[in-house]
Amino acid sequence: MQDLNIILCNGRRAEAADLVALAMRNHGHFTTMQVRDGAVRGLDLHLARLREATGELFDVALDDARVLDGLRRGMEAAGSGDCTARVSVCAREFERAAQAAQPLVAEDLDVVVALTPPADPAPEPMRAASFVHERALPHIKHLGTFAQFHLARQARGRGFDDVLFTDADGRVSEGTVWNVGFWDGATVTWPDAPALRGTCERLLQAGLAVLGVVQARRAVVLDELPRFRAAFSCNSRGVRAIGAVDAVAFAPDGELAELLGQALALQPWQPVAGGQGRVSSGPGIG
């Protein structure tokens, strides 16, 4: 890859004025995906996430073509179809429109595509410390990430790798930038506390359903973690084993790792060149 750090704003190389305007605000949302050979697993889900969040935050329709065009232009500039791609949607004219009591229009949206080197999950199991925290608008992957990383820094100061969040009642929700699942040897359990429903999580759920693996979505509290055999995190990088949450340790589980690998491998790589925004609902979980 000739250039591993590329930022495009609205289809062209970002200029200083673009970056200054966007850096001065954190009002917007994004999605991050791994691109291999010009294709993405769950591309339709990423596009749907961007459309839905844009509609909720800005009351404007986002055309998939803008996102796909930015991704294609970025890969052309990089000279490679292998990268980590982060697509952010902002509106630098948001304050101007709000003050004038004027609705935003599609042309006011800034679609920012940032390409960096490909990334994979760390091979060693993660050790997570639990913290009570709930993100604002947890169903949206928004730019307000201060609390997440502030707490993660505190956890690392205590010898952990990252943070697992719970609500005030001890119900597990999500990690800083990842979803979590638990395994008892027969069932994969997904916590149902308010959280961002990740693309990788949805791909795994669909694949596990095809494999006939029993899944459940329910409240999971910290006190019951010792009853599970294993735990894992999942995000755009893939799946990573969790070795511990606080003082609760989980042993490596080869059976679970194989099941999750098979489930993810069942999901097709969707080419950016032919990407479209239609989303398959996929099989549900009980």
Protein backbone atom coordinates (compact mmCIF):
# COMPACT_ATOMS: atom_id res chain seq x y z
CA MET A 1 0.00 0.00 0.00
CA GLN A 2 1.51 3.32 -1.07
CA ASP A 3 -0.25 5.57 1.46
CA LEU A 4 -1.53 4.08 4.71
CA ASN A 5 -3.06 7.28 6.09
CA ILE A 6 -5.59 8.86 3.75
CA ILE A 7 -8.44 11.19 4.66
CA LEU A 8 -11.06 12.22 2.14
CA CYS A 9 -13.82 14.74 2.82
CA ASN A 10 -16.78 14.65 0.47
CA GLY A 11 -14.89 12.64 -2.12
CA ARG A 12 -11.67 14.68 -2.24
CA ARG A 13 -8.49 14.85 -0.22
CA ALA A 14 -9.24 16.61 3.04
CA GLU A 15 -7.74 20.06 3.36
CA ALA A 16 -6.65 21.86 6.52
CA ALA A 17 -9.89 23.85 6.61
CA ASP A 18 -11.91 20.62 6.54
CA LEU A 19 -9.92 19.06 9.36
CA VAL A 20 -10.05 22.18 11.53
CA ALA A 21 -13.82 22.48 11.13
CA LEU A 22 -14.37 18.83 11.96
CA ALA A 23 -11.85 18.76 14.81
CA MET A 24 -13.65 21.61 16.56
CA ARG A 25 -16.84 19.55 16.95
CA ASN A 26 -17.71 16.04 18.03
CA HIS A 27 -21.28 16.03 16.76
CA GLY A 28 -21.61 13.19 14.30
CA HIS A 29 -21.35 9.45 13.97
CA PHE A 30 -19.22 6.83 12.25
CA THR A 31 -18.64 3.20 11.39
CA THR A 32 -15.39 1.29 11.07
CA MET A 33 -14.81 -1.65 8.77
CA GLN A 34 -12.05 -3.96 7.64
CA VAL A 35 -11.58 -3.99 3.87
CA ARG A 36 -9.83 -6.90 2.18
CA ASP A 37 -9.34 -7.07 -1.56
CA GLY A 38 -11.89 -4.28 -1.96
CA ALA A 39 -14.63 -6.07 -0.03
CA VAL A 40 -16.20 -5.84 3.44
CA ARG A 41 -18.07 -8.37 5.55
CA GLY A 42 -21.42 -6.83 6.44
CA LEU A 43 -21.05 -3.84 4.12
CA ASP A 44 -24.83 -3.58 3.89
CA LEU A 45 -25.02 -3.39 7.69
CA HIS A 46 -22.43 -0.61 7.83
CA LEU A 47 -24.35 1.37 5.21
CA ALA A 48 -27.61 0.88 7.08
CA ARG A 49 -25.98 2.05 10.31
CA LEU A 50 -24.82 5.26 8.62
CA ARG A 51 -28.21 5.91 7.03
CA GLU A 52 -30.16 5.36 10.22
CA ALA A 53 -27.89 7.44 12.43
CA THR A 54 -27.80 10.28 9.89
CA GLY A 55 -31.57 10.34 9.81
CA GLU A 56 -31.81 10.42 13.60
CA LEU A 57 -29.05 12.99 14.26
CA PHE A 58 -29.55 15.33 11.31
CA ASP A 59 -33.01 14.49 9.92
CA VAL A 60 -31.39 14.16 6.48
CA ALA A 61 -31.23 11.19 4.12
CA LEU A 62 -27.72 9.89 3.40
CA ASP A 63 -27.18 8.39 -0.04
CA ASP A 64 -25.17 5.15 0.05
CA ALA A 65 -23.48 6.28 -3.17
CA ARG A 66 -21.61 9.04 -1.31
CA VAL A 67 -20.15 6.54 1.13
CA LEU A 68 -19.24 3.98 -1.51
CA ASP A 69 -17.73 6.61 -3.78
CA GLY A 70 -15.57 7.87 -0.93
CA LEU A 71 -14.40 4.35 -0.13
CA ARG A 72 -13.54 3.66 -3.78
CA ARG A 73 -11.67 6.93 -4.16
CA GLY A 74 -9.74 6.26 -0.98
CA MET A 75 -8.67 2.80 -2.11
CA GLU A 76 -7.63 4.18 -5.48
CA ALA A 77 -5.48 6.79 -3.75
CA ALA A 78 -3.98 4.10 -1.52
CA GLY A 79 -3.32 1.77 -4.42
CA SER A 80 -4.73 -1.14 -2.43
CA GLY A 81 -8.01 -2.71 -1.40
CA ASP A 82 -6.67 -3.82 2.00
CA CYS A 83 -7.19 -1.32 4.82
CA THR A 84 -9.15 -0.24 7.85
CA ALA A 85 -11.82 2.23 6.73
CA ARG A 86 -13.60 4.62 9.06
CA VAL A 87 -16.52 6.55 7.59
CA SER A 88 -17.74 9.52 9.64
CA VAL A 89 -20.79 11.67 8.93
CA CYS A 90 -20.83 15.20 10.33
CA ALA A 91 -22.35 18.54 9.39
CA ARG A 92 -20.13 21.56 9.87
CA GLU A 93 -23.12 23.76 9.03
CA PHE A 94 -25.17 22.29 11.86
CA GLU A 95 -24.85 25.32 14.15
CA ARG A 96 -25.51 27.80 11.35
CA ALA A 97 -28.68 25.96 10.35
CA ALA A 98 -29.84 25.62 13.95
CA GLN A 99 -29.39 29.33 14.66
CA ALA A 100 -31.30 30.24 11.51
CA ALA A 101 -34.01 27.67 12.30
CA GLN A 102 -33.36 26.09 8.91
CA PRO A 103 -33.35 22.34 8.34
CA LEU A 104 -30.19 20.74 7.05
CA VAL A 105 -30.15 19.32 3.53
CA ALA A 106 -28.09 16.49 2.06
CA GLU A 107 -25.48 18.91 0.72
CA ASP A 108 -24.75 20.04 4.30
CA LEU A 109 -23.50 16.60 5.28
CA ASP A 110 -19.76 15.99 5.44
CA VAL A 111 -18.81 12.40 4.63
CA VAL A 112 -15.27 11.75 5.84
CA VAL A 113 -13.45 8.56 4.82
CA ALA A 114 -10.22 7.76 6.65
CA LEU A 115 -8.08 4.82 5.55
CA THR A 116 -5.40 3.33 7.77
CA PRO A 117 -3.52 0.00 7.72
CA PRO A 118 -5.49 -3.25 8.02
CA ALA A 119 -6.03 -4.42 11.60
CA ASP A 120 -6.77 -7.76 13.23
CA PRO A 121 -7.77 -8.61 16.80
CA ALA A 122 -4.95 -9.07 19.29
CA PRO A 123 -4.10 -12.77 19.69
CA GLU A 124 -3.86 -12.75 23.48
CA PRO A 125 -7.03 -12.82 25.63
CA MET A 126 -8.26 -9.48 26.94
CA ARG A 127 -8.50 -8.64 30.62
CA ALA A 128 -11.37 -6.20 31.26
CA ALA A 129 -12.30 -4.17 34.33
CA SER A 130 -15.96 -3.41 34.91
CA PHE A 131 -17.17 0.18 35.26
CA VAL A 132 -20.67 1.59 35.66
CA HIS A 133 -21.28 3.70 32.58
CA GLU A 134 -23.92 4.11 29.87
CA ARG A 135 -23.17 6.03 26.72
CA ALA A 136 -25.56 8.74 25.60
CA LEU A 137 -27.74 7.39 22.77
CA PRO A 138 -26.09 3.97 23.14
CA HIS A 139 -27.67 2.61 19.96
CA ILE A 140 -25.68 5.14 17.87
CA LYS A 141 -21.96 4.87 17.13
CA HIS A 142 -21.44 8.57 17.72
CA LEU A 143 -18.32 10.69 18.15
CA GLY A 144 -18.80 11.34 21.86
CA THR A 145 -16.17 8.88 23.10
CA PHE A 146 -14.51 10.85 25.92
CA ALA A 147 -15.89 8.80 28.83
CA GLN A 148 -15.13 5.47 27.15
CA PHE A 149 -11.44 6.17 26.74
CA HIS A 150 -11.09 8.01 30.03
CA LEU A 151 -12.33 4.91 31.84
CA ALA A 152 -10.20 2.64 29.66
CA ARG A 153 -7.13 4.61 30.70
CA GLN A 154 -8.07 4.13 34.35
CA ALA A 155 -8.47 0.39 33.77
CA ARG A 156 -5.03 0.14 32.17
CA GLY A 157 -3.57 1.91 35.15
CA ARG A 158 -4.91 -0.98 37.23
CA GLY A 159 -3.32 -3.60 34.99
CA PHE A 160 -6.29 -4.36 32.72
CA ASP A 161 -6.50 -4.06 28.94
CA ASP A 162 -9.92 -2.45 28.57
CA VAL A 163 -13.32 -1.79 30.12
CA LEU A 164 -16.59 -3.68 30.26
CA PHE A 165 -19.54 -1.41 31.06
CA THR A 166 -22.55 -2.16 33.23
CA ASP A 167 -25.58 -0.14 34.20
CA ALA A 168 -26.32 0.94 37.78
CA ASP A 169 -27.99 -2.43 38.47
CA GLY A 170 -24.92 -4.38 37.40
CA ARG A 171 -26.29 -5.46 34.03
CA VAL A 172 -23.54 -5.95 31.45
CA SER A 173 -23.91 -3.83 28.31
CA GLU A 174 -20.80 -3.45 26.11
CA GLY A 175 -17.10 -2.64 26.03
CA THR A 176 -15.45 0.58 24.93
CA VAL A 177 -15.67 -0.26 21.22
CA TRP A 178 -16.86 -3.86 21.26
CA ASN A 179 -19.76 -6.13 22.05
CA VAL A 180 -19.48 -9.05 24.43
CA GLY A 181 -20.80 -12.61 24.43
CA PHE A 182 -20.69 -15.44 26.97
CA TRP A 183 -20.53 -19.21 26.52
CA ASP A 184 -21.60 -21.94 28.94
CA GLY A 185 -20.67 -24.85 26.69
CA ALA A 186 -24.08 -25.07 25.03
CA THR A 187 -25.45 -21.55 24.56
CA VAL A 188 -24.00 -18.22 23.44
CA THR A 189 -25.59 -15.50 25.58
CA TRP A 190 -25.72 -11.87 24.45
CA PRO A 191 -26.42 -9.20 27.11
CA ASP A 192 -29.56 -7.19 26.43
CA ALA A 193 -28.74 -3.96 28.31
CA PRO A 194 -28.79 -0.82 26.11
CA ALA A 195 -25.73 -0.89 23.84
CA LEU A 196 -24.61 -0.41 20.28
CA ARG A 197 -25.56 -3.49 18.31
CA GLY A 198 -22.37 -4.10 16.38
CA THR A 199 -21.95 -5.34 12.84
CA CYS A 200 -19.67 -8.20 13.89
CA GLU A 201 -22.15 -9.19 16.59
CA ARG A 202 -24.92 -9.40 14.00
CA LEU A 203 -22.74 -11.38 11.57
CA LEU A 204 -21.83 -13.85 14.32
CA GLN A 205 -25.46 -14.24 15.34
CA ALA A 206 -26.47 -15.02 11.77
CA GLY A 207 -23.62 -17.51 11.34
CA LEU A 208 -24.25 -19.26 14.65
CA ALA A 209 -27.91 -19.62 13.74
CA VAL A 210 -26.91 -21.38 10.50
CA LEU A 211 -24.64 -23.67 12.50
CA GLY A 212 -27.51 -24.52 14.83
CA VAL A 213 -25.85 -23.06 17.93
CA VAL A 214 -28.32 -22.06 20.63
CA GLN A 215 -28.29 -18.32 21.39
CA ALA A 216 -30.04 -16.19 23.98
CA ARG A 217 -30.38 -12.45 24.51
CA ARG A 218 -31.13 -11.61 28.13
CA ALA A 219 -29.97 -9.62 31.11
CA VAL A 220 -26.50 -10.68 32.28
CA VAL A 221 -25.29 -9.35 35.63
CA LEU A 222 -21.72 -9.28 36.91
CA ASP A 223 -22.50 -11.65 39.78
CA GLU A 224 -23.33 -14.48 37.40
CA LEU A 225 -20.18 -14.32 35.26
CA PRO A 226 -18.51 -17.21 37.14
CA ARG A 227 -21.15 -19.59 35.77
CA PHE A 228 -19.97 -19.07 32.20
CA ARG A 229 -17.19 -21.15 30.70
CA ALA A 230 -15.81 -18.49 28.36
CA ALA A 231 -16.33 -14.94 27.13
CA PHE A 232 -15.37 -13.04 24.00
CA SER A 233 -15.43 -9.57 22.48
CA CYS A 234 -16.25 -8.72 18.88
CA ASN A 235 -15.94 -5.62 16.74
CA SER A 236 -14.78 -4.57 13.28
CA ARG A 237 -11.41 -6.28 13.83
CA GLY A 238 -13.05 -9.63 14.54
CA VAL A 239 -13.29 -11.82 17.63
CA ARG A 240 -11.01 -11.77 20.68
CA ALA A 241 -11.16 -14.05 23.69
CA ILE A 242 -11.70 -12.47 27.11
CA GLY A 243 -9.42 -13.93 29.73
CA ALA A 244 -10.88 -12.14 32.72
CA VAL A 245 -13.48 -9.64 33.88
CA ASP A 246 -12.39 -8.16 37.19
CA ALA A 247 -11.42 -11.18 39.32
CA VAL A 248 -13.42 -13.69 37.25
CA ALA A 249 -11.06 -15.67 35.00
CA PHE A 250 -12.03 -17.52 31.83
CA ALA A 251 -9.91 -20.35 30.43
CA PRO A 252 -9.16 -20.55 26.69
CA ASP A 253 -11.96 -22.44 24.94
CA GLY A 254 -11.03 -24.05 21.64
CA GLU A 255 -14.58 -25.23 20.94
CA LEU A 256 -15.97 -21.71 21.21
CA ALA A 257 -13.15 -20.24 19.15
CA GLU A 258 -13.84 -22.75 16.37
CA LEU A 259 -17.59 -22.07 16.41
CA LEU A 260 -17.12 -18.31 16.23
CA GLY A 261 -14.56 -18.66 13.44
CA GLN A 262 -16.94 -20.85 11.45
CA ALA A 263 -19.85 -18.48 12.05
CA LEU A 264 -17.90 -15.48 10.79
CA ALA A 265 -16.51 -17.40 7.81
CA LEU A 266 -20.08 -18.09 6.66
CA GLN A 267 -20.64 -14.38 6.07
CA PRO A 268 -19.76 -13.23 2.54
CA TRP A 269 -17.34 -10.46 1.67
CA GLN A 270 -19.35 -7.79 -0.15
CA PRO A 271 -17.39 -5.79 -2.77
CA VAL A 272 -17.37 -2.03 -2.32
CA ALA A 273 -17.60 -1.63 -6.09
CA GLY A 274 -21.00 -3.32 -6.09
CA GLY A 275 -22.16 -2.30 -2.62
CA GLN A 276 -25.74 -1.41 -1.92
CA GLY A 277 -27.71 -0.46 1.13
CA ARG A 278 -30.28 -3.23 1.37
CA VAL A 279 -30.06 -5.02 4.71
CA SER A 280 -31.05 -8.61 5.37
CA SER A 281 -32.68 -8.97 8.76
CA GLY A 282 -31.07 -12.38 9.24
CA PRO A 283 -32.23 -15.05 11.66
CA GLY A 284 -33.27 -13.89 15.09
CA ILE A 285 -32.16 -15.28 18.43
CA GLY A 286 -34.33 -16.47 21.24
